[in-house]
N, C-alpha and C. Protein backbone atom coordinates (compact mmCIF):
# COMPACT_ATOMS: atom_id res chain seq x y z
N UNK A 1 -6.70 -10.76 6.16
CA UNK A 1 -6.80 -9.41 5.69
C UNK A 1 -6.85 -8.50 6.90
N UNK A 2 -6.27 -7.32 6.75
CA UNK A 2 -6.29 -6.33 7.81
C UNK A 2 -6.40 -4.96 7.18
N UNK A 3 -6.61 -3.96 8.01
CA UNK A 3 -6.76 -2.60 7.50
C UNK A 3 -5.97 -1.64 8.38
N UNK A 4 -5.40 -0.63 7.74
CA UNK A 4 -4.70 0.42 8.47
C UNK A 4 -5.74 1.48 8.79
N UNK A 5 -5.84 1.84 10.03
CA UNK A 5 -6.83 2.80 10.49
C UNK A 5 -6.47 4.18 9.98
N UNK A 6 -7.38 4.77 9.21
CA UNK A 6 -7.19 6.11 8.69
C UNK A 6 -8.30 6.98 9.24
N UNK A 7 -7.93 8.06 9.86
CA UNK A 7 -8.92 8.99 10.38
C UNK A 7 -9.35 8.65 11.79
N UNK A 8 -10.13 9.53 12.34
CA UNK A 8 -10.59 9.37 13.72
C UNK A 8 -11.97 8.73 13.73
N UNK A 9 -12.41 8.45 14.91
CA UNK A 9 -13.75 7.90 15.06
C UNK A 9 -13.78 6.39 14.90
N UNK A 10 -14.97 5.86 14.76
CA UNK A 10 -15.12 4.41 14.69
C UNK A 10 -15.36 3.88 13.29
N UNK A 11 -15.18 4.71 12.26
CA UNK A 11 -15.39 4.25 10.88
C UNK A 11 -14.53 3.05 10.52
N UNK A 12 -13.23 3.05 10.84
CA UNK A 12 -12.43 1.86 10.50
C UNK A 12 -13.00 0.58 11.12
N UNK A 13 -13.47 0.65 12.35
CA UNK A 13 -14.04 -0.54 13.00
C UNK A 13 -15.32 -0.96 12.31
N UNK A 14 -16.17 0.00 11.90
CA UNK A 14 -17.41 -0.35 11.20
C UNK A 14 -17.11 -1.05 9.87
N UNK A 15 -16.14 -0.52 9.13
CA UNK A 15 -15.76 -1.13 7.85
C UNK A 15 -15.19 -2.52 8.08
N UNK A 16 -14.30 -2.65 9.06
CA UNK A 16 -13.70 -3.95 9.36
C UNK A 16 -14.78 -4.96 9.76
N UNK A 17 -15.73 -4.55 10.58
CA UNK A 17 -16.81 -5.45 10.99
C UNK A 17 -17.68 -5.85 9.81
N UNK A 18 -17.99 -4.88 8.95
CA UNK A 18 -18.84 -5.16 7.79
C UNK A 18 -18.22 -6.20 6.86
N UNK A 19 -16.90 -6.14 6.68
CA UNK A 19 -16.24 -7.03 5.75
C UNK A 19 -15.49 -8.17 6.43
N UNK A 20 -15.67 -8.34 7.73
CA UNK A 20 -15.03 -9.45 8.43
C UNK A 20 -13.53 -9.35 8.53
N UNK A 21 -13.03 -8.14 8.63
CA UNK A 21 -11.58 -7.92 8.73
C UNK A 21 -11.21 -7.90 10.21
N UNK A 22 -10.39 -8.85 10.67
CA UNK A 22 -10.16 -8.99 12.11
C UNK A 22 -9.20 -7.99 12.73
N UNK A 23 -8.32 -7.37 11.95
CA UNK A 23 -7.27 -6.55 12.54
C UNK A 23 -7.28 -5.14 11.96
N UNK A 24 -7.17 -4.16 12.84
CA UNK A 24 -6.99 -2.77 12.43
C UNK A 24 -5.67 -2.30 13.02
N UNK A 25 -4.80 -1.78 12.16
CA UNK A 25 -3.52 -1.25 12.61
C UNK A 25 -3.62 0.26 12.77
N UNK A 26 -2.95 0.79 13.76
CA UNK A 26 -2.98 2.23 14.04
C UNK A 26 -2.02 3.01 13.15
N UNK A 27 -1.07 2.35 12.51
CA UNK A 27 -0.12 3.03 11.64
C UNK A 27 0.28 2.11 10.50
N UNK A 28 0.74 2.72 9.40
CA UNK A 28 1.20 1.87 8.28
C UNK A 28 2.46 1.13 8.67
N UNK A 29 3.27 1.71 9.57
CA UNK A 29 4.49 1.03 10.00
C UNK A 29 4.15 -0.27 10.74
N UNK A 30 3.12 -0.22 11.55
CA UNK A 30 2.67 -1.41 12.27
C UNK A 30 2.16 -2.48 11.30
N UNK A 31 1.42 -2.05 10.30
CA UNK A 31 0.92 -2.97 9.27
C UNK A 31 2.07 -3.63 8.51
N UNK A 32 3.04 -2.84 8.06
CA UNK A 32 4.17 -3.36 7.30
C UNK A 32 4.99 -4.35 8.13
N UNK A 33 5.11 -4.10 9.43
CA UNK A 33 5.90 -4.96 10.30
C UNK A 33 5.16 -6.23 10.72
N UNK A 34 3.87 -6.30 10.49
CA UNK A 34 3.07 -7.45 10.94
C UNK A 34 3.55 -8.73 10.27
N UNK A 35 3.80 -9.77 11.05
CA UNK A 35 4.31 -11.02 10.49
C UNK A 35 3.24 -11.87 9.79
N UNK A 36 1.98 -11.50 9.93
CA UNK A 36 0.91 -12.34 9.39
C UNK A 36 0.46 -11.94 7.98
N UNK A 37 1.21 -11.05 7.31
CA UNK A 37 0.86 -10.68 5.94
C UNK A 37 2.08 -10.80 5.04
N UNK A 38 1.82 -11.16 3.79
CA UNK A 38 2.94 -11.25 2.85
C UNK A 38 2.74 -10.33 1.65
N UNK A 39 1.63 -9.57 1.66
CA UNK A 39 1.37 -8.63 0.58
C UNK A 39 0.62 -7.42 1.14
N UNK A 40 0.88 -6.27 0.55
CA UNK A 40 0.27 -5.02 1.00
C UNK A 40 -0.32 -4.32 -0.23
N UNK A 41 -1.54 -3.80 -0.10
CA UNK A 41 -2.13 -2.94 -1.12
C UNK A 41 -2.07 -1.52 -0.59
N UNK A 42 -1.42 -0.64 -1.33
CA UNK A 42 -1.28 0.75 -0.91
C UNK A 42 -2.31 1.58 -1.65
N UNK A 43 -3.32 2.03 -0.92
CA UNK A 43 -4.38 2.84 -1.51
C UNK A 43 -4.55 4.13 -0.74
N UNK A 44 -3.46 4.72 -0.37
CA UNK A 44 -3.48 5.94 0.42
C UNK A 44 -3.07 7.14 -0.43
N UNK A 45 -2.85 8.26 0.19
CA UNK A 45 -2.45 9.47 -0.53
C UNK A 45 -1.10 9.25 -1.20
N UNK A 46 -0.92 9.82 -2.39
CA UNK A 46 0.32 9.59 -3.15
C UNK A 46 1.60 9.96 -2.42
N UNK A 47 1.58 10.94 -1.53
CA UNK A 47 2.82 11.31 -0.84
C UNK A 47 3.34 10.19 0.07
N UNK A 48 2.48 9.21 0.36
CA UNK A 48 2.91 8.07 1.17
C UNK A 48 3.31 6.85 0.36
N UNK A 49 3.07 6.86 -0.94
CA UNK A 49 3.34 5.67 -1.75
C UNK A 49 4.80 5.23 -1.68
N UNK A 50 5.73 6.16 -1.81
CA UNK A 50 7.14 5.79 -1.81
C UNK A 50 7.60 5.23 -0.46
N UNK A 51 7.38 5.93 0.67
CA UNK A 51 7.87 5.38 1.93
C UNK A 51 7.21 4.07 2.32
N UNK A 52 5.91 3.93 2.06
CA UNK A 52 5.23 2.68 2.42
C UNK A 52 5.70 1.55 1.51
N UNK A 53 5.84 1.81 0.22
CA UNK A 53 6.33 0.80 -0.71
C UNK A 53 7.72 0.31 -0.32
N UNK A 54 8.64 1.24 -0.06
CA UNK A 54 10.01 0.85 0.28
C UNK A 54 10.06 0.07 1.59
N UNK A 55 9.26 0.49 2.57
CA UNK A 55 9.24 -0.23 3.85
C UNK A 55 8.66 -1.63 3.68
N UNK A 56 7.60 -1.75 2.88
CA UNK A 56 6.99 -3.06 2.66
C UNK A 56 7.95 -3.99 1.91
N UNK A 57 8.61 -3.48 0.89
CA UNK A 57 9.59 -4.30 0.17
C UNK A 57 10.74 -4.71 1.08
N UNK A 58 11.20 -3.78 1.92
CA UNK A 58 12.29 -4.10 2.85
C UNK A 58 11.85 -5.16 3.86
N UNK A 59 10.55 -5.20 4.15
CA UNK A 59 10.02 -6.21 5.08
C UNK A 59 9.72 -7.52 4.37
N UNK A 60 10.03 -7.59 3.07
CA UNK A 60 9.83 -8.83 2.32
C UNK A 60 8.40 -9.06 1.87
N UNK A 61 7.65 -7.98 1.68
CA UNK A 61 6.25 -8.11 1.28
C UNK A 61 6.07 -7.71 -0.19
N UNK A 62 5.14 -8.36 -0.84
CA UNK A 62 4.74 -7.97 -2.19
C UNK A 62 3.90 -6.70 -2.06
N UNK A 63 3.89 -5.87 -3.12
CA UNK A 63 3.19 -4.59 -3.05
C UNK A 63 2.35 -4.35 -4.30
N UNK A 64 1.10 -3.94 -4.10
CA UNK A 64 0.25 -3.42 -5.16
C UNK A 64 -0.02 -1.97 -4.80
N UNK A 65 0.35 -1.06 -5.67
CA UNK A 65 0.21 0.37 -5.41
C UNK A 65 -0.91 0.93 -6.28
N UNK A 66 -1.86 1.59 -5.67
CA UNK A 66 -2.97 2.19 -6.39
C UNK A 66 -2.53 3.49 -7.06
N UNK A 67 -3.15 3.80 -8.18
CA UNK A 67 -3.00 5.08 -8.88
C UNK A 67 -1.55 5.43 -9.15
N UNK A 68 -1.12 6.63 -8.80
CA UNK A 68 0.26 7.05 -9.04
C UNK A 68 1.22 6.24 -8.19
N UNK A 69 2.35 5.91 -8.74
CA UNK A 69 3.33 5.16 -7.95
C UNK A 69 4.14 6.06 -7.05
N UNK A 70 4.27 7.35 -7.41
CA UNK A 70 5.13 8.25 -6.67
C UNK A 70 4.74 9.69 -6.95
N UNK A 71 5.32 10.59 -6.20
CA UNK A 71 5.04 12.02 -6.38
C UNK A 71 5.84 12.63 -7.52
N UNK A 72 6.97 11.99 -7.87
CA UNK A 72 7.81 12.56 -8.92
C UNK A 72 8.73 11.45 -9.46
N UNK A 73 9.51 11.80 -10.48
CA UNK A 73 10.38 10.82 -11.13
C UNK A 73 11.46 10.29 -10.18
N UNK A 74 11.95 11.14 -9.28
CA UNK A 74 12.97 10.70 -8.32
C UNK A 74 12.44 9.61 -7.40
N UNK A 75 11.23 9.79 -6.88
CA UNK A 75 10.63 8.75 -6.05
C UNK A 75 10.36 7.48 -6.86
N UNK A 76 9.93 7.64 -8.10
CA UNK A 76 9.67 6.47 -8.95
C UNK A 76 10.95 5.67 -9.16
N UNK A 77 12.07 6.35 -9.39
CA UNK A 77 13.35 5.66 -9.55
C UNK A 77 13.74 4.95 -8.25
N UNK A 78 13.52 5.62 -7.12
CA UNK A 78 13.84 5.01 -5.83
C UNK A 78 13.04 3.73 -5.63
N UNK A 79 11.75 3.76 -5.97
CA UNK A 79 10.93 2.56 -5.86
C UNK A 79 11.43 1.49 -6.81
N UNK A 80 11.73 1.88 -8.05
CA UNK A 80 12.20 0.91 -9.04
C UNK A 80 13.46 0.19 -8.56
N UNK A 81 14.38 0.91 -7.94
CA UNK A 81 15.59 0.29 -7.42
C UNK A 81 15.32 -0.51 -6.15
N UNK A 82 14.27 -0.15 -5.43
CA UNK A 82 13.91 -0.87 -4.20
C UNK A 82 13.26 -2.21 -4.46
N UNK A 83 12.88 -2.47 -5.69
CA UNK A 83 12.19 -3.72 -6.03
C UNK A 83 13.17 -4.88 -6.21
N UNK A 84 14.42 -4.63 -5.98
CA UNK A 84 15.45 -5.63 -6.28
C UNK A 84 15.40 -6.86 -5.38
N UNK A 85 14.52 -6.90 -4.38
CA UNK A 85 14.47 -8.06 -3.48
C UNK A 85 14.14 -9.34 -4.22
N UNK A 86 14.75 -10.44 -3.84
CA UNK A 86 14.51 -11.71 -4.53
C UNK A 86 13.08 -12.19 -4.35
N UNK A 87 12.43 -12.44 -5.46
CA UNK A 87 11.09 -13.02 -5.44
C UNK A 87 9.98 -12.05 -5.08
N UNK A 88 10.27 -10.76 -4.90
CA UNK A 88 9.23 -9.81 -4.54
C UNK A 88 8.57 -9.26 -5.79
N UNK A 89 7.29 -8.96 -5.66
CA UNK A 89 6.53 -8.40 -6.78
C UNK A 89 6.01 -7.04 -6.37
N UNK A 90 6.21 -6.04 -7.24
CA UNK A 90 5.61 -4.73 -7.07
C UNK A 90 4.79 -4.47 -8.31
N UNK A 91 3.58 -3.95 -8.15
CA UNK A 91 2.72 -3.68 -9.28
C UNK A 91 1.95 -2.40 -9.03
N UNK A 92 1.83 -1.59 -10.05
CA UNK A 92 0.97 -0.41 -9.97
C UNK A 92 -0.31 -0.72 -10.70
N UNK A 93 -1.43 -0.50 -10.02
CA UNK A 93 -2.73 -0.80 -10.60
C UNK A 93 -3.02 0.16 -11.75
N UNK A 94 -3.49 -0.40 -12.84
CA UNK A 94 -3.87 0.37 -14.01
C UNK A 94 -5.14 1.15 -13.70
N UNK A 95 -5.19 2.40 -14.07
CA UNK A 95 -6.33 3.26 -13.77
C UNK A 95 -7.11 3.57 -15.04
N UNK A 96 -8.26 2.93 -15.24
CA UNK A 96 -9.01 3.17 -16.48
C UNK A 96 -9.56 4.59 -16.60
N UNK A 97 -9.65 5.34 -15.51
CA UNK A 97 -10.17 6.69 -15.61
C UNK A 97 -9.17 7.65 -16.27
N UNK A 98 -7.99 7.16 -16.64
CA UNK A 98 -7.01 7.98 -17.33
C UNK A 98 -7.13 7.82 -18.85
N UNK A 99 -8.06 7.01 -19.32
CA UNK A 99 -8.23 6.80 -20.75
C UNK A 99 -9.04 7.94 -21.36
N UNK A 100 -8.73 8.33 -22.60
CA UNK A 100 -9.53 9.37 -23.24
C UNK A 100 -10.92 8.83 -23.60
N UNK A 101 -11.88 9.72 -23.60
CA UNK A 101 -13.25 9.34 -24.00
C UNK A 101 -13.32 9.29 -25.52
N UNK A 102 -14.17 8.44 -26.02
CA UNK A 102 -14.37 8.35 -27.47
C UNK A 102 -15.70 8.90 -27.86
């Protein structure tokens, strides 16, 4: 497991140390290119979901995308067509906070 460093300061290192995560990447591009992972969980801001998803799929990695899959229908279609890689899995996590209250 590894983590992409988000923000300044030493928070990413504290989180990595707390959970025993050995590697912190300085950019999502570095994480996607890393040869030691075969799956990526995208839990960042929605404007990054499409480029990170497409790069991860192009690198032959499985993808789990948190919350919204894209910023708009055009990006969603682009992701849908980008999933065509053989044996790759893309999944958007179901968000229970979108359910109506009873």
